Amino acid sequence: MPSSTQKLSETTPVLQNAQESVLYMPPMQKEQKQHPKVALVLGSGGARGYAHIGVLEVLEQHGIQPDFIVGTSAGSIVGAIYASGKNAQQLKQIALNMKVADVREITFDRKGFFDGQKVEDFVNEQVADTPLEKLKIPMYVVATELKNGKKTVFNYGNTGQAVRASISIPSMFVPTEINQKEYVDGGLVSPVPVDVARQLGADIVIAVDILAQPAYTPTTNIWGLFNQNINIMQNRLATEELKHADIVIQPELHEKAHIFDVKERESTIYSGEIAAQKKIGDIETAFAARQQKLPLQQVQ
């Protein structure tokens, strides 16, 4: 098994079609659980990703722990650190204490002006250099293969490197090279990767959608127009995938927060808490309904 400081290596794809390639090393077989298999899907959304922490805090308070996590872009950062064994309160402190210099490194490259290496190093530091396949909660990180646009899911090898690939917004970040292939932001092809969770056998999918709503995005300058183009594309993709989720948590996030504004971080986390609280009853109902459908030998 490679350590997280080694490069990600491709394993035999077990889920593949014309639109996606899933790189997956099956986890060790465990004793069959007596409850539905729950997937937590954490979507993309830049600085709005802090809302994921608020959602996790509420789920913890109600004793809801996912059997595995699927994350894309901002969701991959939060998901990976949480999957390493840190709780929501620890995640919150990490978020509030994060400095610009911890994750941002400007570079001069024709393909982007952020390198991404600091993001990789930051994540690996937070997970104590634990590779994806050894995280305490199975974690699946979604990225996009740049050359052919295929969805790619990592859950083996260098955790920070997989996250770096997943958050590499084109034209902003230099693409992440893994095994002589370039990868960019997973949100381009799967902003809320519910379908990956279903393909991996989830009985119940709890999806957290933090995408910006086009109606609230200013379009008075070039940056605003760039954001709006991404927002429209991602919302169309997410609408289809969210149809396959059992529970959809959508925090009220009308304004695009700045990733390094501490006050904004706190309010965004709180928005996640409020949205999750509203869905606890629905989650409990979904659990009860799915429990009744489990095979008899699982519930005896």
C-alpha atoms as a PDB file:
ATOM      1  CA  MET A   1       0.000   0.000   0.000  1.00  0.00           C
ATOM      2  CA  PRO A   2       1.416   3.438  -0.872  1.00  0.00           C
ATOM      3  CA  SER A   3       1.605   6.158   1.757  1.00  0.00           C
ATOM      4  CA  SER A   4      -0.194   9.447   1.205  1.00  0.00           C
ATOM      5  CA  THR A   5       3.112  11.058   0.258  1.00  0.00           C
ATOM      6  CA  GLN A   6       3.294   8.832  -2.808  1.00  0.00           C
ATOM      7  CA  LYS A   7       1.446   9.558  -6.014  1.00  0.00           C
ATOM      8  CA  LEU A   8      -2.052   8.276  -6.570  1.00  0.00           C
ATOM      9  CA  SER A   9      -2.080   5.091  -8.569  1.00  0.00           C
ATOM     10  CA  GLU A  10      -4.851   3.855 -10.783  1.00  0.00           C
ATOM     11  CA  THR A  11      -6.492   0.562  -9.934  1.00  0.00           C
ATOM     12  CA  THR A  12      -8.774  -1.503 -12.102  1.00  0.00           C
ATOM     13  CA  PRO A  13     -11.862   0.575 -12.892  1.00  0.00           C
ATOM     14  CA  VAL A  14     -14.962  -1.159 -11.528  1.00  0.00           C
ATOM     15  CA  LEU A  15     -17.495   1.419 -12.668  1.00  0.00           C
ATOM     16  CA  GLN A  16     -17.036   2.742 -16.159  1.00  0.00           C
ATOM     17  CA  ASN A  17     -18.961   4.013 -19.159  1.00  0.00           C
ATOM     18  CA  ALA A  18     -18.472   6.619 -21.841  1.00  0.00           C
ATOM     19  CA  GLN A  19     -18.866   9.444 -19.375  1.00  0.00           C
ATOM     20  CA  GLU A  20     -16.973   8.311 -16.321  1.00  0.00           C
ATOM     21  CA  SER A  21     -14.065   6.331 -15.014  1.00  0.00           C
ATOM     22  CA  VAL A  22     -14.081   5.330 -11.373  1.00  0.00           C
ATOM     23  CA  LEU A  23     -10.762   4.373  -9.810  1.00  0.00           C
ATOM     24  CA  TYR A  24     -11.606   2.233  -6.862  1.00  0.00           C
ATOM     25  CA  MET A  25      -9.862  -0.195  -4.546  1.00  0.00           C
ATOM     26  CA  PRO A  26     -12.572  -2.107  -2.643  1.00  0.00           C
ATOM     27  CA  PRO A  27     -12.357  -1.635   1.135  1.00  0.00           C
ATOM     28  CA  MET A  28     -11.659  -4.607   3.375  1.00  0.00           C
ATOM     29  CA  GLN A  29     -14.696  -6.771   3.907  1.00  0.00           C
ATOM     30  CA  LYS A  30     -16.396  -6.021   7.197  1.00  0.00           C
ATOM     31  CA  GLU A  31     -19.125  -7.714   9.139  1.00  0.00           C
ATOM     32  CA  GLN A  32     -22.476  -6.937   7.589  1.00  0.00           C
ATOM     33  CA  LYS A  33     -24.137  -4.032   9.338  1.00  0.00           C
ATOM     34  CA  GLN A  34     -27.644  -4.151  10.688  1.00  0.00           C
ATOM     35  CA  HIS A  35     -28.674  -0.804   9.278  1.00  0.00           C
ATOM     36  CA  PRO A  36     -28.977   0.782   5.831  1.00  0.00           C
ATOM     37  CA  LYS A  37     -25.732   1.821   4.157  1.00  0.00           C
ATOM     38  CA  VAL A  38     -25.658   5.614   4.349  1.00  0.00           C
ATOM     39  CA  ALA A  39     -23.704   7.828   1.954  1.00  0.00           C
ATOM     40  CA  LEU A  40     -23.032  11.476   2.665  1.00  0.00           C
ATOM     41  CA  VAL A  41     -22.496  13.476  -0.520  1.00  0.00           C
ATOM     42  CA  LEU A  42     -20.744  16.828  -0.113  1.00  0.00           C
ATOM     43  CA  GLY A  43     -21.015  19.058  -3.157  1.00  0.00           C
ATOM     44  CA  SER A  44     -18.889  21.774  -4.725  1.00  0.00           C
ATOM     45  CA  GLY A  45     -19.278  25.460  -4.029  1.00  0.00           C
ATOM     46  CA  GLY A  46     -16.032  27.231  -3.156  1.00  0.00           C
ATOM     47  CA  ALA A  47     -16.203  29.201   0.092  1.00  0.00           C
ATOM     48  CA  ARG A  48     -19.752  27.963   0.622  1.00  0.00           C
ATOM     49  CA  GLY A  49     -18.086  24.660   1.519  1.00  0.00           C
ATOM     50  CA  TYR A  50     -17.891  25.826   5.121  1.00  0.00           C
ATOM     51  CA  ALA A  51     -21.611  25.018   5.300  1.00  0.00           C
ATOM     52  CA  HIS A  52     -20.702  21.329   5.100  1.00  0.00           C
ATOM     53  CA  ILE A  53     -19.155  21.638   8.555  1.00  0.00           C
ATOM     54  CA  GLY A  54     -22.429  22.888  10.023  1.00  0.00           C
ATOM     55  CA  VAL A  55     -24.277  19.977   8.429  1.00  0.00           C
ATOM     56  CA  LEU A  56     -21.799  17.480   9.887  1.00  0.00           C
ATOM     57  CA  GLU A  57     -22.163  19.023  13.338  1.00  0.00           C
ATOM     58  CA  VAL A  58     -25.938  18.510  13.311  1.00  0.00           C
ATOM     59  CA  LEU A  59     -25.666  14.952  11.968  1.00  0.00           C
ATOM     60  CA  GLU A  60     -23.223  14.141  14.762  1.00  0.00           C
ATOM     61  CA  GLN A  61     -25.587  15.568  17.378  1.00  0.00           C
ATOM     62  CA  HIS A  62     -28.278  13.180  16.160  1.00  0.00           C
ATOM     63  CA  GLY A  63     -25.991  10.152  15.995  1.00  0.00           C
ATOM     64  CA  ILE A  64     -25.998   9.969  12.204  1.00  0.00           C
ATOM     65  CA  GLN A  65     -22.670   8.740  10.842  1.00  0.00           C
ATOM     66  CA  PRO A  66     -22.160   7.962   7.158  1.00  0.00           C
ATOM     67  CA  ASP A  67     -20.812   4.601   6.058  1.00  0.00           C
ATOM     68  CA  PHE A  68     -18.913   6.438   3.341  1.00  0.00           C
ATOM     69  CA  ILE A  69     -18.483   9.964   1.984  1.00  0.00           C
ATOM     70  CA  VAL A  70     -18.386  11.208  -1.595  1.00  0.00           C
ATOM     71  CA  GLY A  71     -16.998  14.704  -2.060  1.00  0.00           C
ATOM     72  CA  THR A  72     -16.288  16.988  -4.960  1.00  0.00           C
ATOM     73  CA  SER A  73     -14.282  20.225  -4.925  1.00  0.00           C
ATOM     74  CA  ALA A  74     -14.974  22.033  -1.607  1.00  0.00           C
ATOM     75  CA  GLY A  75     -16.833  18.936  -0.426  1.00  0.00           C
ATOM     76  CA  SER A  76     -13.731  16.832  -0.949  1.00  0.00           C
ATOM     77  CA  ILE A  77     -11.702  18.998   1.440  1.00  0.00           C
ATOM     78  CA  VAL A  78     -14.259  18.855   4.244  1.00  0.00           C
ATOM     79  CA  GLY A  79     -15.063  15.206   3.582  1.00  0.00           C
ATOM     80  CA  ALA A  80     -11.459  14.020   3.575  1.00  0.00           C
ATOM     81  CA  ILE A  81     -10.554  15.744   6.838  1.00  0.00           C
ATOM     82  CA  TYR A  82     -13.731  14.485   8.497  1.00  0.00           C
ATOM     83  CA  ALA A  83     -13.121  10.958   7.179  1.00  0.00           C
ATOM     84  CA  SER A  84      -9.696  10.976   8.837  1.00  0.00           C
ATOM     85  CA  GLY A  85     -11.375  10.882  12.236  1.00  0.00           C
ATOM     86  CA  LYS A  86     -11.742  14.524  13.188  1.00  0.00           C
ATOM     87  CA  ASN A  87     -15.151  15.568  14.508  1.00  0.00           C
ATOM     88  CA  ALA A  88     -17.199  18.550  13.385  1.00  0.00           C
ATOM     89  CA  GLN A  89     -15.965  20.788  16.187  1.00  0.00           C
ATOM     90  CA  GLN A  90     -12.354  20.083  15.237  1.00  0.00           C
ATOM     91  CA  LEU A  91     -13.222  20.784  11.605  1.00  0.00           C
ATOM     92  CA  LYS A  92     -14.734  24.094  12.630  1.00  0.00           C
ATOM     93  CA  GLN A  93     -11.566  25.133  14.447  1.00  0.00           C
ATOM     94  CA  ILE A  94      -9.436  24.152  11.457  1.00  0.00           C
ATOM     95  CA  ALA A  95     -11.661  26.262   9.196  1.00  0.00           C
ATOM     96  CA  LEU A  96     -11.655  29.304  11.455  1.00  0.00           C
ATOM     97  CA  ASN A  97      -7.888  29.155  12.010  1.00  0.00           C
ATOM     98  CA  MET A  98      -6.927  28.671   8.356  1.00  0.00           C
ATOM     99  CA  LYS A  99      -4.749  31.438   6.915  1.00  0.00           C
ATOM    100  CA  VAL A 100      -4.231  32.544   3.320  1.00  0.00           C
ATOM    101  CA  ALA A 101      -0.646  31.321   3.374  1.00  0.00           C
ATOM    102  CA  ASP A 102      -1.794  27.835   4.416  1.00  0.00           C
ATOM    103  CA  VAL A 103      -3.463  27.045   1.094  1.00  0.00           C
ATOM    104  CA  ARG A 104      -2.660  29.727  -1.480  1.00  0.00           C
ATOM    105  CA  GLU A 105       0.478  29.870  -3.603  1.00  0.00           C
ATOM    106  CA  ILE A 106       0.595  32.136  -6.638  1.00  0.00           C
ATOM    107  CA  THR A 107       2.497  30.848  -9.628  1.00  0.00           C
ATOM    108  CA  PHE A 108       3.271  32.049 -13.147  1.00  0.00           C
ATOM    109  CA  ASP A 109       1.940  29.392 -15.477  1.00  0.00           C
ATOM    110  CA  ARG A 110       0.000  29.558 -18.723  1.00  0.00           C
ATOM    111  CA  LYS A 111      -2.545  27.101 -17.310  1.00  0.00           C
ATOM    112  CA  GLY A 112      -3.389  28.940 -14.092  1.00  0.00           C
ATOM    113  CA  PHE A 113      -2.164  31.299 -11.398  1.00  0.00           C
ATOM    114  CA  PHE A 114      -2.580  29.044  -8.333  1.00  0.00           C
ATOM    115  CA  ASP A 115      -0.364  25.991  -7.999  1.00  0.00           C
ATOM    116  CA  GLY A 116      -2.427  23.812  -5.639  1.00  0.00           C
ATOM    117  CA  GLN A 117       0.563  22.220  -3.893  1.00  0.00           C
ATOM    118  CA  LYS A 118      -0.230  24.076  -0.668  1.00  0.00           C
ATOM    119  CA  VAL A 119      -3.779  22.710  -0.713  1.00  0.00           C
ATOM    120  CA  GLU A 120      -2.366  19.199  -1.075  1.00  0.00           C
ATOM    121  CA  ASP A 121       0.088  19.742   1.773  1.00  0.00           C
ATOM    122  CA  PHE A 122      -2.554  21.333   4.014  1.00  0.00           C
ATOM    123  CA  VAL A 123      -4.963  18.443   3.589  1.00  0.00           C
ATOM    124  CA  ASN A 124      -2.252  15.840   4.154  1.00  0.00           C
ATOM    125  CA  GLU A 125      -1.200  17.646   7.319  1.00  0.00           C
ATOM    126  CA  GLN A 126      -4.787  17.604   8.615  1.00  0.00           C
ATOM    127  CA  VAL A 127      -5.226  13.888   7.889  1.00  0.00           C
ATOM    128  CA  ALA A 128      -1.773  13.029   9.319  1.00  0.00           C
ATOM    129  CA  ASP A 129      -0.563  11.793   5.913  1.00  0.00           C
ATOM    130  CA  THR A 130      -3.156   9.031   5.877  1.00  0.00           C
ATOM    131  CA  PRO A 131      -3.837   7.650   2.367  1.00  0.00           C
ATOM    132  CA  LEU A 132      -7.411   7.547   1.126  1.00  0.00           C
ATOM    133  CA  GLU A 133      -7.845   3.806   1.537  1.00  0.00           C
ATOM    134  CA  LYS A 134      -6.861   3.998   5.216  1.00  0.00           C
ATOM    135  CA  LEU A 135      -9.123   6.846   6.315  1.00  0.00           C
ATOM    136  CA  LYS A 136     -11.474   5.911   9.149  1.00  0.00           C
ATOM    137  CA  ILE A 137     -14.532   6.532   6.977  1.00  0.00           C
ATOM    138  CA  PRO A 138     -14.266   5.377   3.329  1.00  0.00           C
ATOM    139  CA  MET A 139     -13.814   8.507   1.218  1.00  0.00           C
ATOM    140  CA  TYR A 140     -14.358   8.985  -2.514  1.00  0.00           C
ATOM    141  CA  VAL A 141     -12.990  12.113  -4.199  1.00  0.00           C
ATOM    142  CA  VAL A 142     -14.432  13.233  -7.539  1.00  0.00           C
ATOM    143  CA  ALA A 143     -12.288  14.985 -10.154  1.00  0.00           C
ATOM    144  CA  THR A 144     -12.462  15.566 -13.914  1.00  0.00           C
ATOM    145  CA  GLU A 145      -9.884  14.201 -16.333  1.00  0.00           C
ATOM    146  CA  LEU A 146      -9.036  17.266 -18.393  1.00  0.00           C
ATOM    147  CA  LYS A 147      -8.260  15.710 -21.776  1.00  0.00           C
ATOM    148  CA  ASN A 148     -11.474  13.719 -22.199  1.00  0.00           C
ATOM    149  CA  GLY A 149     -13.782  15.250 -19.598  1.00  0.00           C
ATOM    150  CA  LYS A 150     -14.346  11.954 -17.788  1.00  0.00           C
ATOM    151  CA  LYS A 151     -15.549  11.841 -14.221  1.00  0.00           C
ATOM    152  CA  THR A 152     -12.872  10.178 -12.104  1.00  0.00           C
ATOM    153  CA  VAL A 153     -13.294   8.992  -8.531  1.00  0.00           C
ATOM    154  CA  PHE A 154     -10.299   8.376  -6.294  1.00  0.00           C
ATOM    155  CA  ASN A 155     -10.295   6.425  -3.044  1.00  0.00           C
ATOM    156  CA  TYR A 156      -6.765   5.051  -3.046  1.00  0.00           C
ATOM    157  CA  GLY A 157      -3.427   6.743  -2.488  1.00  0.00           C
ATOM    158  CA  ASN A 158      -2.437  10.323  -1.693  1.00  0.00           C
ATOM    159  CA  THR A 159      -5.397  12.029   0.002  1.00  0.00           C
ATOM    160  CA  GLY A 160      -4.128  15.576  -0.446  1.00  0.00           C
ATOM    161  CA  GLN A 161      -3.314  15.010  -4.086  1.00  0.00           C
ATOM    162  CA  ALA A 162      -6.802  13.689  -4.841  1.00  0.00           C
ATOM    163  CA  VAL A 163      -8.350  16.707  -3.119  1.00  0.00           C
ATOM    164  CA  ARG A 164      -5.990  19.013  -5.006  1.00  0.00           C
ATOM    165  CA  ALA A 165      -7.238  17.524  -8.275  1.00  0.00           C
ATOM    166  CA  SER A 166     -10.861  17.882  -7.192  1.00  0.00           C
ATOM    167  CA  ILE A 167     -10.571  21.599  -6.369  1.00  0.00           C
ATOM    168  CA  SER A 168      -8.471  22.644  -9.377  1.00  0.00           C
ATOM    169  CA  ILE A 169     -10.817  25.171 -10.981  1.00  0.00           C
ATOM    170  CA  PRO A 170      -9.781  25.558 -14.647  1.00  0.00           C
ATOM    171  CA  SER A 171      -7.958  28.799 -15.498  1.00  0.00           C
ATOM    172  CA  MET A 172      -7.476  29.507 -11.789  1.00  0.00           C
ATOM    173  CA  PHE A 173      -5.520  26.442 -10.661  1.00  0.00           C
ATOM    174  CA  VAL A 174      -2.878  24.662 -12.673  1.00  0.00           C
ATOM    175  CA  PRO A 175      -4.318  21.184 -13.455  1.00  0.00           C
ATOM    176  CA  THR A 176      -3.128  18.433 -11.138  1.00  0.00           C
ATOM    177  CA  GLU A 177      -1.000  15.809 -12.867  1.00  0.00           C
ATOM    178  CA  ILE A 178      -1.480  12.214 -11.718  1.00  0.00           C
ATOM    179  CA  ASN A 179       0.021   9.284 -13.625  1.00  0.00           C
ATOM    180  CA  GLN A 180       0.741  11.527 -16.630  1.00  0.00           C
ATOM    181  CA  LYS A 181      -2.893  12.673 -16.803  1.00  0.00           C
ATOM    182  CA  GLU A 182      -4.211  16.116 -15.902  1.00  0.00           C
ATOM    183  CA  TYR A 183      -7.191  16.543 -13.598  1.00  0.00           C
ATOM    184  CA  VAL A 184      -9.361  19.544 -12.783  1.00  0.00           C
ATOM    185  CA  ASP A 185     -12.342  20.443 -10.608  1.00  0.00           C
ATOM    186  CA  GLY A 186     -14.800  17.580 -10.070  1.00  0.00           C
ATOM    187  CA  GLY A 187     -17.652  20.084  -9.995  1.00  0.00           C
ATOM    188  CA  LEU A 188     -17.409  20.453 -13.769  1.00  0.00           C
ATOM    189  CA  VAL A 189     -18.943  17.019 -14.318  1.00  0.00           C
ATOM    190  CA  SER A 190     -20.540  16.160 -10.973  1.00  0.00           C
ATOM    191  CA  PRO A 191     -21.170  19.133  -8.654  1.00  0.00           C
ATOM    192  CA  VAL A 192     -23.225  17.006  -6.229  1.00  0.00           C
ATOM    193  CA  PRO A 193     -22.082  13.413  -6.948  1.00  0.00           C
ATOM    194  CA  VAL A 194     -25.178  11.485  -5.911  1.00  0.00           C
ATOM    195  CA  ASP A 195     -24.876   8.996  -8.768  1.00  0.00           C
ATOM    196  CA  VAL A 196     -21.423   7.914  -7.564  1.00  0.00           C
ATOM    197  CA  ALA A 197     -22.917   7.172  -4.135  1.00  0.00           C
ATOM    198  CA  ARG A 198     -25.663   5.090  -5.727  1.00  0.00           C
ATOM    199  CA  GLN A 199     -23.193   3.152  -7.860  1.00  0.00           C
ATOM    200  CA  LEU A 200     -21.191   2.375  -4.732  1.00  0.00           C
ATOM    201  CA  GLY A 201     -24.210   0.739  -3.128  1.00  0.00           C
ATOM    202  CA  ALA A 202     -25.738   3.377  -0.872  1.00  0.00           C
ATOM    203  CA  ASP A 203     -29.181   2.557   0.528  1.00  0.00           C
ATOM    204  CA  ILE A 204     -29.708   6.111   1.741  1.00  0.00           C
ATOM    205  CA  VAL A 205     -28.068   9.165   0.177  1.00  0.00           C
ATOM    206  CA  ILE A 206     -27.884  12.418   2.111  1.00  0.00           C
ATOM    207  CA  ALA A 207     -26.747  15.110  -0.336  1.00  0.00           C
ATOM    208  CA  VAL A 208     -25.571  18.587   0.629  1.00  0.00           C
ATOM    209  CA  ASP A 209     -26.038  21.088  -2.192  1.00  0.00           C
ATOM    210  CA  ILE A 210     -24.152  24.372  -1.679  1.00  0.00           C
ATOM    211  CA  LEU A 211     -24.165  25.599  -5.266  1.00  0.00           C
ATOM    212  CA  ALA A 212     -24.645  29.284  -5.950  1.00  0.00           C
ATOM    213  CA  GLN A 213     -28.069  30.090  -7.345  1.00  0.00           C
ATOM    214  CA  PRO A 214     -27.788  31.986 -10.653  1.00  0.00           C
ATOM    215  CA  ALA A 215     -30.475  34.475  -9.575  1.00  0.00           C
ATOM    216  CA  TYR A 216     -28.198  35.768  -6.812  1.00  0.00           C
ATOM    217  CA  THR A 217     -24.966  36.025  -8.813  1.00  0.00           C
ATOM    218  CA  PRO A 218     -23.902  39.549  -9.957  1.00  0.00           C
ATOM    219  CA  THR A 219     -22.993  39.729 -13.647  1.00  0.00           C
ATOM    220  CA  THR A 220     -21.648  43.278 -13.852  1.00  0.00           C
ATOM    221  CA  ASN A 221     -18.039  42.296 -14.542  1.00  0.00           C
ATOM    222  CA  ILE A 222     -15.951  39.595 -16.194  1.00  0.00           C
ATOM    223  CA  TRP A 223     -15.477  37.629 -12.962  1.00  0.00           C
ATOM    224  CA  GLY A 224     -19.219  37.703 -12.323  1.00  0.00           C
ATOM    225  CA  LEU A 225     -19.922  36.467 -15.840  1.00  0.00           C
ATOM    226  CA  PHE A 226     -17.389  33.657 -15.377  1.00  0.00           C
ATOM    227  CA  ASN A 227     -19.088  32.622 -12.143  1.00  0.00           C
ATOM    228  CA  GLN A 228     -22.529  32.767 -13.744  1.00  0.00           C
ATOM    229  CA  ASN A 229     -21.492  30.513 -16.609  1.00  0.00           C
ATOM    230  CA  ILE A 230     -20.238  27.935 -14.095  1.00  0.00           C
ATOM    231  CA  ASN A 231     -23.345  28.348 -11.910  1.00  0.00           C
ATOM    232  CA  ILE A 232     -25.765  27.711 -14.768  1.00  0.00           C
ATOM    233  CA  MET A 233     -23.875  24.614 -15.921  1.00  0.00           C
ATOM    234  CA  GLN A 234     -23.491  23.171 -12.435  1.00  0.00           C
ATOM    235  CA  ASN A 235     -27.105  23.748 -11.443  1.00  0.00           C
ATOM    236  CA  ARG A 236     -28.349  21.884 -14.517  1.00  0.00           C
ATOM    237  CA  LEU A 237     -26.088  18.924 -13.743  1.00  0.00           C
ATOM    238  CA  ALA A 238     -26.975  18.943 -10.057  1.00  0.00           C
ATOM    239  CA  THR A 239     -30.716  19.043 -10.703  1.00  0.00           C
ATOM    240  CA  GLU A 240     -30.538  15.666 -12.417  1.00  0.00           C
ATOM    241  CA  GLU A 241     -28.329  14.004  -9.801  1.00  0.00           C
ATOM    242  CA  LEU A 242     -30.296  15.353  -6.848  1.00  0.00           C
ATOM    243  CA  LYS A 243     -33.366  13.496  -8.118  1.00  0.00           C
ATOM    244  CA  HIS A 244     -31.629  10.309  -6.977  1.00  0.00           C
ATOM    245  CA  ALA A 245     -30.911  11.493  -3.422  1.00  0.00           C
ATOM    246  CA  ASP A 246     -33.126  10.528  -0.495  1.00  0.00           C
ATOM    247  CA  ILE A 247     -32.405  13.704   1.453  1.00  0.00           C
ATOM    248  CA  VAL A 248     -31.233  17.016  -0.017  1.00  0.00           C
ATOM    249  CA  ILE A 249     -29.853  19.647   2.346  1.00  0.00           C
ATOM    250  CA  GLN A 250     -29.588  23.106   0.757  1.00  0.00           C
ATOM    251  CA  PRO A 251     -28.258  25.838   3.058  1.00  0.00           C
ATOM    252  CA  GLU A 252     -29.500  29.376   2.395  1.00  0.00           C
ATOM    253  CA  LEU A 253     -26.395  30.921   0.863  1.00  0.00           C
ATOM    254  CA  HIS A 254     -27.392  33.797  -1.383  1.00  0.00           C
ATOM    255  CA  GLU A 255     -24.125  35.692  -1.277  1.00  0.00           C
ATOM    256  CA  LYS A 256     -20.801  34.286  -2.411  1.00  0.00           C
ATOM    257  CA  ALA A 257     -18.607  34.418   0.691  1.00  0.00           C
ATOM    258  CA  HIS A 258     -14.889  35.072   0.533  1.00  0.00           C
ATOM    259  CA  ILE A 259     -12.919  31.974   1.471  1.00  0.00           C
ATOM    260  CA  PHE A 260     -10.626  33.874   3.874  1.00  0.00           C
ATOM    261  CA  ASP A 261     -13.222  36.055   5.629  1.00  0.00           C
ATOM    262  CA  VAL A 262     -13.517  34.625   9.163  1.00  0.00           C
ATOM    263  CA  LYS A 263     -16.870  36.294   9.858  1.00  0.00           C
ATOM    264  CA  GLU A 264     -18.264  34.849   6.646  1.00  0.00           C
ATOM    265  CA  ARG A 265     -16.938  31.417   7.594  1.00  0.00           C
ATOM    266  CA  GLU A 266     -18.906  31.449  10.846  1.00  0.00           C
ATOM    267  CA  SER A 267     -22.155  32.539   9.199  1.00  0.00           C
ATOM    268  CA  THR A 268     -21.758  29.975   6.429  1.00  0.00           C
ATOM    269  CA  ILE A 269     -21.182  27.170   8.945  1.00  0.00           C
ATOM    270  CA  TYR A 270     -24.295  28.325  10.786  1.00  0.00           C
ATOM    271  CA  SER A 271     -26.329  28.223   7.566  1.00  0.00           C
ATOM    272  CA  GLY A 272     -25.355  24.581   7.216  1.00  0.00           C
ATOM    273  CA  GLU A 273     -26.517  23.876  10.769  1.00  0.00           C
ATOM    274  CA  ILE A 274     -29.919  25.478  10.189  1.00  0.00           C
ATOM    275  CA  ALA A 275     -30.485  23.631   6.911  1.00  0.00           C
ATOM    276  CA  ALA A 276     -29.527  20.274   8.428  1.00  0.00           C
ATOM    277  CA  GLN A 277     -31.779  20.729  11.453  1.00  0.00           C
ATOM    278  CA  LYS A 278     -34.741  21.164   9.125  1.00  0.00           C
ATOM    279  CA  LYS A 279     -34.035  17.786   7.516  1.00  0.00           C
ATOM    280  CA  ILE A 280     -33.518  15.599  10.601  1.00  0.00           C
ATOM    281  CA  GLY A 281     -37.133  14.437  10.599  1.00  0.00           C
ATOM    282  CA  ASP A 282     -36.870  13.470   6.921  1.00  0.00           C
ATOM    283  CA  ILE A 283     -33.650  11.566   7.587  1.00  0.00           C
ATOM    284  CA  GLU A 284     -35.234   9.612  10.441  1.00  0.00           C
ATOM    285  CA  THR A 285     -38.217   8.791   8.232  1.00  0.00           C
ATOM    286  CA  ALA A 286     -35.908   7.573   5.448  1.00  0.00           C
ATOM    287  CA  PHE A 287     -34.018   5.387   7.930  1.00  0.00           C
ATOM    288  CA  ALA A 288     -37.215   3.833   9.243  1.00  0.00           C
ATOM    289  CA  ALA A 289     -38.562   3.149   5.772  1.00  0.00           C
ATOM    290  CA  ARG A 290     -35.302   1.642   4.524  1.00  0.00           C
ATOM    291  CA  GLN A 291     -34.833  -0.446   7.674  1.00  0.00           C
ATOM    292  CA  GLN A 292     -38.082  -2.261   6.940  1.00  0.00           C
ATOM    293  CA  LYS A 293     -36.747  -3.258   3.515  1.00  0.00           C
ATOM    294  CA  LEU A 294     -33.511  -4.817   4.791  1.00  0.00           C
ATOM    295  CA  PRO A 295     -33.158  -8.574   4.323  1.00  0.00           C
ATOM    296  CA  LEU A 296     -34.370 -10.566   7.333  1.00  0.00           C
ATOM    297  CA  GLN A 297     -30.891 -11.884   8.185  1.00  0.00           C
ATOM    298  CA  GLN A 298     -29.581  -8.314   8.651  1.00  0.00           C
ATOM    299  CA  VAL A 299     -32.159  -7.281  11.230  1.00  0.00           C
ATOM    300  CA  GLN A 300     -32.406 -10.410  13.352  1.00  0.00           C
END
